[in-house]
Amino acid sequence: MVLTAFPRSRRWPKRPRRVTLRIETDLDKIEQNTRILVDRLAASGIRVTGITKAVLGSPGVGAAMLRGGARGLGDSRVPNLLRLAGLDPPPLRTLIRSPCSATWHGSLTSPTSV
């Protein structure tokens, strides 16, 4: 007895076609949502840091969060924080994890320059 995934009378399924996915980011909505969050948390004395990890440190998304009232930007990857340094004026940036020494080596001269 031979076990197969499909009966012998059926052909194997065709390969799926390649699909290109595209995500559109509405920067006005990011700014608006950040503003709502900042306003709600300000009453409790909480300041907001926008996290850009999911968007690979996108300067556009970071700028929208800053326009919405975020006090700074945070990311878990040093290259993403370096990308955010190009914003004008440069925002307060926070590394949201402890880096391994290999991450710092060659990227920055000292941790205080982030």
C-alpha atoms as a PDB file:
ATOM      1  CA  MET A   1       0.000   0.000   0.000  1.00  0.00           C
ATOM      2  CA  VAL A   2       1.331   3.415  -1.003  1.00  0.00           C
ATOM      3  CA  LEU A   3       0.282   6.486   0.956  1.00  0.00           C
ATOM      4  CA  THR A   4       0.266   9.795  -0.867  1.00  0.00           C
ATOM      5  CA  ALA A   5      -1.011  13.242  -0.027  1.00  0.00           C
ATOM      6  CA  PHE A   6      -3.385  13.166  -2.986  1.00  0.00           C
ATOM      7  CA  PRO A   7      -5.238  10.327  -4.655  1.00  0.00           C
ATOM      8  CA  ARG A   8      -3.447   8.996  -7.721  1.00  0.00           C
ATOM      9  CA  SER A   9      -6.187  10.293  -9.945  1.00  0.00           C
ATOM     10  CA  ARG A  10      -5.446  13.906  -8.956  1.00  0.00           C
ATOM     11  CA  ARG A  11      -2.517  15.995 -10.052  1.00  0.00           C
ATOM     12  CA  TRP A  12      -0.295  17.806  -7.627  1.00  0.00           C
ATOM     13  CA  PRO A  13      -1.483  21.361  -7.054  1.00  0.00           C
ATOM     14  CA  LYS A  14       0.050  24.115  -9.131  1.00  0.00           C
ATOM     15  CA  ARG A  15       2.617  26.365  -7.542  1.00  0.00           C
ATOM     16  CA  PRO A  16       1.078  29.494  -6.080  1.00  0.00           C
ATOM     17  CA  ARG A  17       1.701  32.683  -7.992  1.00  0.00           C
ATOM     18  CA  ARG A  18       4.072  35.171  -6.444  1.00  0.00           C
ATOM     19  CA  VAL A  19       2.258  38.036  -4.841  1.00  0.00           C
ATOM     20  CA  THR A  20       3.876  41.369  -4.112  1.00  0.00           C
ATOM     21  CA  LEU A  21       2.561  42.959  -0.964  1.00  0.00           C
ATOM     22  CA  ARG A  22       2.514  46.702  -0.427  1.00  0.00           C
ATOM     23  CA  ILE A  23       1.783  48.511   2.794  1.00  0.00           C
ATOM     24  CA  GLU A  24       0.724  52.121   2.620  1.00  0.00           C
ATOM     25  CA  THR A  25       1.372  54.254   5.679  1.00  0.00           C
ATOM     26  CA  ASP A  26      -0.913  57.207   6.334  1.00  0.00           C
ATOM     27  CA  LEU A  27       1.438  59.643   8.080  1.00  0.00           C
ATOM     28  CA  ASP A  28      -1.433  61.994   8.938  1.00  0.00           C
ATOM     29  CA  LYS A  29      -3.153  59.146  10.821  1.00  0.00           C
ATOM     30  CA  ILE A  30       0.097  58.302  12.640  1.00  0.00           C
ATOM     31  CA  GLU A  31       0.382  61.943  13.700  1.00  0.00           C
ATOM     32  CA  GLN A  32      -3.278  62.077  14.741  1.00  0.00           C
ATOM     33  CA  ASN A  33      -3.084  58.825  16.734  1.00  0.00           C
ATOM     34  CA  THR A  34       0.103  59.986  18.448  1.00  0.00           C
ATOM     35  CA  ARG A  35      -1.538  63.303  19.358  1.00  0.00           C
ATOM     36  CA  ILE A  36      -4.543  61.497  20.871  1.00  0.00           C
ATOM     37  CA  LEU A  37      -2.274  59.225  22.904  1.00  0.00           C
ATOM     38  CA  VAL A  38      -0.073  62.126  24.065  1.00  0.00           C
ATOM     39  CA  ASP A  39      -3.108  64.184  25.125  1.00  0.00           C
ATOM     40  CA  ARG A  40      -4.690  61.306  27.050  1.00  0.00           C
ATOM     41  CA  LEU A  41      -1.494  60.361  28.876  1.00  0.00           C
ATOM     42  CA  ALA A  42      -0.417  63.937  29.655  1.00  0.00           C
ATOM     43  CA  ALA A  43      -3.187  64.197  32.249  1.00  0.00           C
ATOM     44  CA  SER A  44      -1.425  61.414  34.181  1.00  0.00           C
ATOM     45  CA  GLY A  45       2.009  62.961  33.739  1.00  0.00           C
ATOM     46  CA  ILE A  46       3.148  60.306  31.268  1.00  0.00           C
ATOM     47  CA  ARG A  47       5.377  61.352  28.360  1.00  0.00           C
ATOM     48  CA  VAL A  48       5.305  59.404  25.086  1.00  0.00           C
ATOM     49  CA  THR A  49       8.266  58.059  23.148  1.00  0.00           C
ATOM     50  CA  GLY A  50       7.362  56.884  19.644  1.00  0.00           C
ATOM     51  CA  ILE A  51       8.731  53.420  18.825  1.00  0.00           C
ATOM     52  CA  THR A  52       9.846  52.950  15.218  1.00  0.00           C
ATOM     53  CA  LYS A  53      10.978  49.314  15.377  1.00  0.00           C
ATOM     54  CA  ALA A  54       8.149  47.944  13.219  1.00  0.00           C
ATOM     55  CA  VAL A  55       8.938  50.421  10.427  1.00  0.00           C
ATOM     56  CA  LEU A  56      12.748  49.975  10.487  1.00  0.00           C
ATOM     57  CA  GLY A  57      13.349  53.480  11.826  1.00  0.00           C
ATOM     58  CA  SER A  58      11.443  55.197   9.038  1.00  0.00           C
ATOM     59  CA  PRO A  59      12.209  58.938   9.244  1.00  0.00           C
ATOM     60  CA  GLY A  60       8.758  59.751   7.843  1.00  0.00           C
ATOM     61  CA  VAL A  61       6.949  57.788  10.538  1.00  0.00           C
ATOM     62  CA  GLY A  62       9.278  59.173  13.204  1.00  0.00           C
ATOM     63  CA  ALA A  63       8.645  62.744  12.066  1.00  0.00           C
ATOM     64  CA  ALA A  64       4.870  62.131  12.145  1.00  0.00           C
ATOM     65  CA  MET A  65       5.112  60.868  15.738  1.00  0.00           C
ATOM     66  CA  LEU A  66       7.142  63.925  16.724  1.00  0.00           C
ATOM     67  CA  ARG A  67       4.597  66.255  15.079  1.00  0.00           C
ATOM     68  CA  GLY A  68       1.932  64.441  17.098  1.00  0.00           C
ATOM     69  CA  GLY A  69       3.708  65.363  20.322  1.00  0.00           C
ATOM     70  CA  ALA A  70       6.007  62.429  21.079  1.00  0.00           C
ATOM     71  CA  ARG A  71       8.964  63.654  23.141  1.00  0.00           C
ATOM     72  CA  GLY A  72      11.419  61.367  21.359  1.00  0.00           C
ATOM     73  CA  LEU A  73      11.826  58.199  19.326  1.00  0.00           C
ATOM     74  CA  GLY A  74      12.922  54.731  20.371  1.00  0.00           C
ATOM     75  CA  ASP A  75      14.127  51.644  18.559  1.00  0.00           C
ATOM     76  CA  SER A  76      15.871  48.391  19.425  1.00  0.00           C
ATOM     77  CA  ARG A  77      18.383  48.581  16.569  1.00  0.00           C
ATOM     78  CA  VAL A  78      21.296  51.016  16.418  1.00  0.00           C
ATOM     79  CA  PRO A  79      21.180  51.448  12.596  1.00  0.00           C
ATOM     80  CA  ASN A  80      17.531  52.507  12.875  1.00  0.00           C
ATOM     81  CA  LEU A  81      18.443  55.107  15.506  1.00  0.00           C
ATOM     82  CA  LEU A  82      21.212  56.394  13.258  1.00  0.00           C
ATOM     83  CA  ARG A  83      18.696  56.728  10.415  1.00  0.00           C
ATOM     84  CA  LEU A  84      16.484  58.846  12.695  1.00  0.00           C
ATOM     85  CA  ALA A  85      19.379  61.206  13.447  1.00  0.00           C
ATOM     86  CA  GLY A  86      18.804  62.803  10.025  1.00  0.00           C
ATOM     87  CA  LEU A  87      15.555  64.427  11.157  1.00  0.00           C
ATOM     88  CA  ASP A  88      15.615  68.184  11.637  1.00  0.00           C
ATOM     89  CA  PRO A  89      15.963  68.944  14.496  1.00  0.00           C
ATOM     90  CA  PRO A  90      17.525  65.655  15.614  1.00  0.00           C
ATOM     91  CA  PRO A  91      15.112  64.057  18.116  1.00  0.00           C
ATOM     92  CA  LEU A  92      15.898  62.539  21.473  1.00  0.00           C
ATOM     93  CA  ARG A  93      16.557  58.876  20.622  1.00  0.00           C
ATOM     94  CA  THR A  94      16.360  55.937  23.005  1.00  0.00           C
ATOM     95  CA  LEU A  95      17.771  52.448  22.554  1.00  0.00           C
ATOM     96  CA  ILE A  96      15.062  50.176  23.941  1.00  0.00           C
ATOM     97  CA  ARG A  97      17.306  47.196  24.647  1.00  0.00           C
ATOM     98  CA  SER A  98      20.809  46.555  25.863  1.00  0.00           C
ATOM     99  CA  PRO A  99      23.101  46.111  22.849  1.00  0.00           C
ATOM    100  CA  CYS A 100      25.713  43.408  22.565  1.00  0.00           C
ATOM    101  CA  SER A 101      29.250  44.743  22.226  1.00  0.00           C
ATOM    102  CA  ALA A 102      29.419  43.696  18.555  1.00  0.00           C
ATOM    103  CA  THR A 103      26.555  46.071  17.761  1.00  0.00           C
ATOM    104  CA  TRP A 104      28.457  49.085  19.074  1.00  0.00           C
ATOM    105  CA  HIS A 105      31.815  48.141  17.610  1.00  0.00           C
ATOM    106  CA  GLY A 106      32.361  50.196  14.485  1.00  0.00           C
ATOM    107  CA  SER A 107      28.911  51.807  14.494  1.00  0.00           C
ATOM    108  CA  LEU A 108      29.450  54.506  17.057  1.00  0.00           C
ATOM    109  CA  THR A 109      32.367  55.976  18.936  1.00  0.00           C
ATOM    110  CA  SER A 110      30.503  55.933  22.254  1.00  0.00           C
ATOM    111  CA  PRO A 111      27.013  55.060  23.506  1.00  0.00           C
ATOM    112  CA  THR A 112      26.412  58.710  24.445  1.00  0.00           C
ATOM    113  CA  SER A 113      26.454  59.803  20.797  1.00  0.00           C
ATOM    114  CA  VAL A 114      23.179  58.026  20.035  1.00  0.00           C
END
